[in-house]
């Protein structure tokens, strides 16, 4: 009997240490316990299972593949959702107008001159290539960079993956490709001239504003990126791990350059 009582006392002491209770002092219990420790909202509270065991089980589940809520903080998920919405809006407002709305307004998408079939086929390829580059570039800004291409909502980290590992301004090139493709498909001289003017404006904007502003803001990190990745002519080789050095990624450029 004495041994049984001793074992029972030891069990009660262990449970008191786990949940922080003191059966002899209600005031100490109120001071030491949080609402969650008192069993609020816990389905197993009061059923003989120590609360410390529940905490250990929760900690052990955080690293499991099924516990997605712990794999990615909710703040990052919210920011990524906002970045996707902002990038979609910017896609419609900027490239959508330059590469879609203005060409439609100029030509109403009616054939002006029927060019030879090879030129029209080249136009279709250029139009498809522009769309194939533009959409993933915006997606990467939101998912990898947690931001948008718009200067008012820049990304949180430098975006160097995907197409950005081959050329620094893929969006400008994609819009130019789409406009050129439409000019060939429709045989429109006016649209071809518009594409040339639009490209000249993009080049001037990059050289006179974007690059100096980004260099002042990001310094050596942006310089290293410029040394390894071309401005306009995409490189065909994949970058090596030495291209961007071993420095941690800096906040990315808010624009395209």
Protein backbone atom coordinates (compact mmCIF):
# COMPACT_ATOMS: atom_id res chain seq x y z
CA UNK A 1 0.00 0.00 0.00
CA UNK A 2 2.79 2.43 0.89
CA UNK A 3 4.53 1.74 -2.43
CA UNK A 4 1.31 2.33 -4.37
CA UNK A 5 0.72 5.66 -2.62
CA UNK A 6 4.29 6.70 -3.42
CA UNK A 7 3.83 5.90 -7.11
CA UNK A 8 0.57 7.85 -7.17
CA UNK A 9 2.25 10.90 -5.60
CA UNK A 10 5.05 10.74 -8.16
CA UNK A 11 2.51 10.61 -11.00
CA UNK A 12 0.66 13.66 -9.65
CA UNK A 13 3.92 15.59 -9.32
CA UNK A 14 4.82 14.80 -12.92
CA UNK A 15 1.44 16.04 -14.18
CA UNK A 16 1.79 19.22 -12.12
CA UNK A 17 5.16 19.91 -13.70
CA UNK A 18 3.77 19.37 -17.21
CA UNK A 19 0.77 21.64 -17.03
CA UNK A 20 2.06 24.06 -14.40
CA UNK A 21 -0.74 23.43 -11.87
CA UNK A 22 -0.57 23.67 -8.12
CA UNK A 23 -3.58 22.02 -6.52
CA UNK A 24 -2.92 23.78 -3.21
CA UNK A 25 -3.02 27.37 -4.56
CA UNK A 26 -5.70 28.72 -6.90
CA UNK A 27 -3.96 32.09 -7.06
CA UNK A 28 -0.71 30.53 -8.30
CA UNK A 29 -2.72 28.57 -10.85
CA UNK A 30 -4.32 31.73 -12.24
CA UNK A 31 -0.96 33.50 -12.38
CA UNK A 32 1.00 30.72 -14.07
CA UNK A 33 -1.54 29.43 -16.59
CA UNK A 34 -2.44 30.86 -19.97
CA UNK A 35 -5.97 30.18 -21.36
CA UNK A 36 -4.63 27.46 -23.66
CA UNK A 37 -2.91 25.73 -20.68
CA UNK A 38 -6.16 25.70 -18.75
CA UNK A 39 -7.75 23.54 -21.43
CA UNK A 40 -9.60 26.22 -23.41
CA UNK A 41 -10.15 24.94 -26.94
CA UNK A 42 -8.22 21.70 -26.36
CA UNK A 43 -10.29 18.62 -27.12
CA UNK A 44 -8.14 16.36 -24.94
CA UNK A 45 -8.05 18.64 -21.89
CA UNK A 46 -9.35 16.96 -18.75
CA UNK A 47 -9.12 13.47 -20.21
CA UNK A 48 -5.97 12.38 -18.45
CA UNK A 49 -3.50 13.38 -21.20
CA UNK A 50 -0.77 15.82 -20.07
CA UNK A 51 -0.79 19.10 -21.94
CA UNK A 52 2.97 18.97 -22.34
CA UNK A 53 2.49 15.81 -24.37
CA UNK A 54 0.10 17.70 -26.66
CA UNK A 55 2.71 20.40 -27.16
CA UNK A 56 5.43 17.88 -27.97
CA UNK A 57 3.11 16.16 -30.47
CA UNK A 58 2.35 19.49 -32.16
CA UNK A 59 6.05 20.31 -32.39
CA UNK A 60 6.81 16.91 -33.91
CA UNK A 61 4.15 17.45 -36.58
CA UNK A 62 5.48 20.80 -37.74
CA UNK A 63 8.08 19.27 -40.00
CA UNK A 64 5.79 16.71 -41.63
CA UNK A 65 4.82 17.18 -45.29
CA UNK A 66 1.12 17.30 -44.47
CA UNK A 67 1.43 20.22 -42.07
CA UNK A 68 1.37 22.90 -44.79
CA UNK A 69 0.38 25.64 -42.40
CA UNK A 70 3.74 25.29 -40.65
CA UNK A 71 5.79 24.89 -43.84
CA UNK A 72 4.99 28.47 -44.93
CA UNK A 73 4.06 31.34 -42.60
CA UNK A 74 0.72 32.91 -43.29
CA UNK A 75 2.39 36.27 -43.76
CA UNK A 76 4.33 34.93 -46.75
CA UNK A 77 1.20 33.35 -48.21
CA UNK A 78 -0.73 36.61 -47.90
CA UNK A 79 2.11 38.58 -49.45
CA UNK A 80 2.37 36.13 -52.34
CA UNK A 81 -1.37 36.39 -52.98
CA UNK A 82 -1.15 40.17 -53.01
CA UNK A 83 1.86 40.00 -55.33
CA UNK A 84 -0.04 37.77 -57.74
CA UNK A 85 -3.00 40.16 -57.76
CA UNK A 86 -0.77 43.19 -58.23
CA UNK A 87 1.23 41.54 -61.01
CA UNK A 88 -1.96 40.56 -62.82
CA UNK A 89 -3.20 44.14 -62.60
CA UNK A 90 0.10 45.53 -63.86
CA UNK A 91 0.10 42.98 -66.68
CA UNK A 92 -3.24 44.31 -67.90
CA UNK A 93 -2.38 47.99 -67.44
CA UNK A 94 1.16 48.13 -68.88
CA UNK A 95 2.02 45.30 -71.32
CA UNK A 96 -1.65 44.74 -72.03
CA UNK A 97 -2.05 48.30 -73.28
CA UNK A 98 1.28 48.54 -75.14
CA UNK A 99 1.15 45.10 -76.71
CA UNK A 100 -2.59 44.58 -77.06
CA UNK A 101 -4.86 47.59 -76.73
CA UNK A 102 -2.83 50.05 -78.82
CA UNK A 103 -2.24 47.57 -81.69
CA UNK A 104 -5.96 46.86 -81.73
CA UNK A 105 -6.75 50.59 -81.74
CA UNK A 106 -4.33 51.17 -84.64
CA UNK A 107 -5.39 48.26 -86.84
CA UNK A 108 -8.67 46.93 -85.40
CA UNK A 109 -6.81 43.67 -86.08
CA UNK A 110 -7.69 43.80 -89.75
CA UNK A 111 -5.26 42.64 -92.43
CA UNK A 112 -3.76 45.63 -94.19
CA UNK A 113 -1.52 43.76 -96.63
CA UNK A 114 -1.43 40.00 -97.15
CA UNK A 115 2.24 39.20 -96.66
CA UNK A 116 3.79 35.94 -97.88
CA UNK A 117 3.02 32.91 -95.79
CA UNK A 118 6.56 32.56 -94.30
CA UNK A 119 6.37 36.13 -92.94
CA UNK A 120 2.93 35.53 -91.47
CA UNK A 121 4.17 32.30 -89.92
CA UNK A 122 7.11 34.19 -88.43
CA UNK A 123 4.67 36.75 -87.05
CA UNK A 124 2.61 34.02 -85.38
CA UNK A 125 5.76 32.56 -83.81
CA UNK A 126 6.85 35.97 -82.52
CA UNK A 127 3.43 36.63 -81.03
CA UNK A 128 3.36 33.23 -79.33
CA UNK A 129 6.92 33.63 -78.07
CA UNK A 130 6.09 37.02 -76.56
CA UNK A 131 3.17 35.58 -74.63
CA UNK A 132 5.22 32.55 -73.57
CA UNK A 133 7.91 34.80 -72.07
CA UNK A 134 5.70 37.52 -70.63
CA UNK A 135 3.37 35.43 -68.50
CA UNK A 136 6.05 33.33 -66.72
CA UNK A 137 8.09 36.49 -66.10
CA UNK A 138 5.20 38.07 -64.24
CA UNK A 139 4.55 34.83 -62.36
CA UNK A 140 8.19 34.66 -61.24
CA UNK A 141 8.08 38.23 -59.97
CA UNK A 142 5.17 37.33 -57.71
CA UNK A 143 6.12 33.81 -56.59
CA UNK A 144 9.90 34.08 -56.37
CA UNK A 145 10.27 37.78 -55.64
CA UNK A 146 7.06 38.29 -53.61
CA UNK A 147 6.36 41.53 -55.44
CA UNK A 148 5.41 43.06 -58.77
CA UNK A 149 7.29 44.68 -61.68
CA UNK A 150 5.67 48.00 -60.78
CA UNK A 151 8.00 50.49 -59.06
CA UNK A 152 5.32 51.19 -56.43
CA UNK A 153 5.30 47.54 -55.29
CA UNK A 154 8.80 46.10 -55.81
CA UNK A 155 9.83 42.57 -55.01
CA UNK A 156 11.32 41.48 -51.69
CA UNK A 157 14.29 39.63 -53.18
CA UNK A 158 16.34 39.66 -56.36
CA UNK A 159 14.66 37.67 -59.13
CA UNK A 160 17.37 35.86 -61.11
CA UNK A 161 15.67 32.56 -61.93
CA UNK A 162 14.02 31.38 -65.11
CA UNK A 163 14.26 33.77 -68.04
CA UNK A 164 15.92 36.39 -65.81
CA UNK A 165 19.02 34.22 -65.71
CA UNK A 166 19.42 34.76 -69.47
CA UNK A 167 18.38 38.37 -70.08
CA UNK A 168 17.71 41.35 -67.81
CA UNK A 169 14.69 42.79 -69.65
CA UNK A 170 12.53 39.87 -70.81
CA UNK A 171 9.25 41.75 -70.43
CA UNK A 172 10.27 44.58 -72.75
CA UNK A 173 11.50 42.04 -75.28
CA UNK A 174 8.27 40.04 -75.00
CA UNK A 175 6.10 43.09 -75.64
CA UNK A 176 8.23 44.09 -78.64
CA UNK A 177 8.00 40.55 -79.99
CA UNK A 178 4.21 40.57 -79.64
CA UNK A 179 3.85 43.89 -81.46
CA UNK A 180 6.20 42.80 -84.25
CA UNK A 181 4.33 39.53 -84.63
CA UNK A 182 1.02 41.34 -85.02
CA UNK A 183 2.55 43.69 -87.60
CA UNK A 184 3.68 40.71 -89.69
CA UNK A 185 0.39 38.87 -89.35
CA UNK A 186 -1.65 41.90 -90.36
CA UNK A 187 0.85 43.32 -92.84
CA UNK A 188 0.57 46.69 -91.10
CA UNK A 189 3.28 49.27 -91.75
CA UNK A 190 1.75 51.58 -89.13
CA UNK A 191 1.96 48.88 -86.49
CA UNK A 192 5.56 48.14 -87.41
CA UNK A 193 6.45 51.82 -86.96
CA UNK A 194 4.63 51.86 -83.65
CA UNK A 195 6.65 48.85 -82.50
CA UNK A 196 9.89 50.57 -83.41
CA UNK A 197 8.92 53.72 -81.51
CA UNK A 198 7.83 51.68 -78.50
CA UNK A 199 11.13 49.80 -78.46
CA UNK A 200 13.10 53.05 -78.68
CA UNK A 201 11.16 54.43 -75.71
CA UNK A 202 11.85 51.28 -73.70
CA UNK A 203 15.57 51.41 -74.45
CA UNK A 204 15.75 55.09 -73.49
CA UNK A 205 13.80 54.45 -70.29
CA UNK A 206 16.11 51.60 -69.29
CA UNK A 207 19.34 53.44 -70.06
CA UNK A 208 18.44 56.91 -68.78
CA UNK A 209 16.30 56.13 -65.75
CA UNK A 210 16.02 52.51 -64.66
CA UNK A 211 19.63 51.42 -64.63
CA UNK A 212 21.02 54.56 -62.90
CA UNK A 213 18.25 54.41 -60.29
CA UNK A 214 18.77 50.72 -59.63
CA UNK A 215 22.53 51.14 -59.43
CA UNK A 216 22.18 53.90 -56.84
CA UNK A 217 19.76 51.82 -54.82
CA UNK A 218 21.29 48.34 -54.97
CA UNK A 219 24.95 49.03 -55.63
CA UNK A 220 27.30 46.07 -55.98
CA UNK A 221 24.56 43.43 -56.08
CA UNK A 222 22.98 44.94 -59.14
CA UNK A 223 26.39 45.53 -60.74
CA UNK A 224 27.21 41.82 -60.35
CA UNK A 225 23.92 40.90 -61.97
CA UNK A 226 24.59 43.29 -64.87
CA UNK A 227 28.07 41.84 -65.43
CA UNK A 228 26.77 38.30 -65.82
CA UNK A 229 23.40 38.75 -67.54
CA UNK A 230 23.01 40.69 -70.83
CA UNK A 231 20.65 43.64 -71.13
CA UNK A 232 18.94 42.73 -74.42
CA UNK A 233 20.54 39.74 -76.16
CA UNK A 234 19.67 36.57 -74.20
CA UNK A 235 22.53 34.22 -73.45
CA UNK A 236 21.87 30.62 -74.38
CA UNK A 237 23.85 28.97 -71.59
CA UNK A 238 22.58 28.36 -68.08
CA UNK A 239 24.33 30.40 -65.37
CA UNK A 240 26.77 28.69 -63.05
CA UNK A 241 26.79 29.05 -59.27
CA UNK A 242 29.76 31.42 -59.55
CA UNK A 243 27.96 33.96 -61.74
CA UNK A 244 26.28 35.89 -58.96
CA UNK A 245 28.87 35.19 -56.29
CA UNK A 246 28.27 33.86 -52.81
CA UNK A 247 26.66 36.99 -51.42
CA UNK A 248 23.06 36.71 -50.20
CA UNK A 249 20.40 38.10 -52.55
CA UNK A 250 19.67 41.79 -52.19
CA UNK A 251 16.30 43.49 -52.62
CA UNK A 252 15.58 43.29 -56.35
CA UNK A 253 15.17 45.99 -58.92
CA UNK A 254 11.73 47.48 -58.97
CA UNK A 255 11.82 47.65 -62.77
CA UNK A 256 12.98 45.52 -65.61
CA UNK A 257 16.64 46.44 -66.09
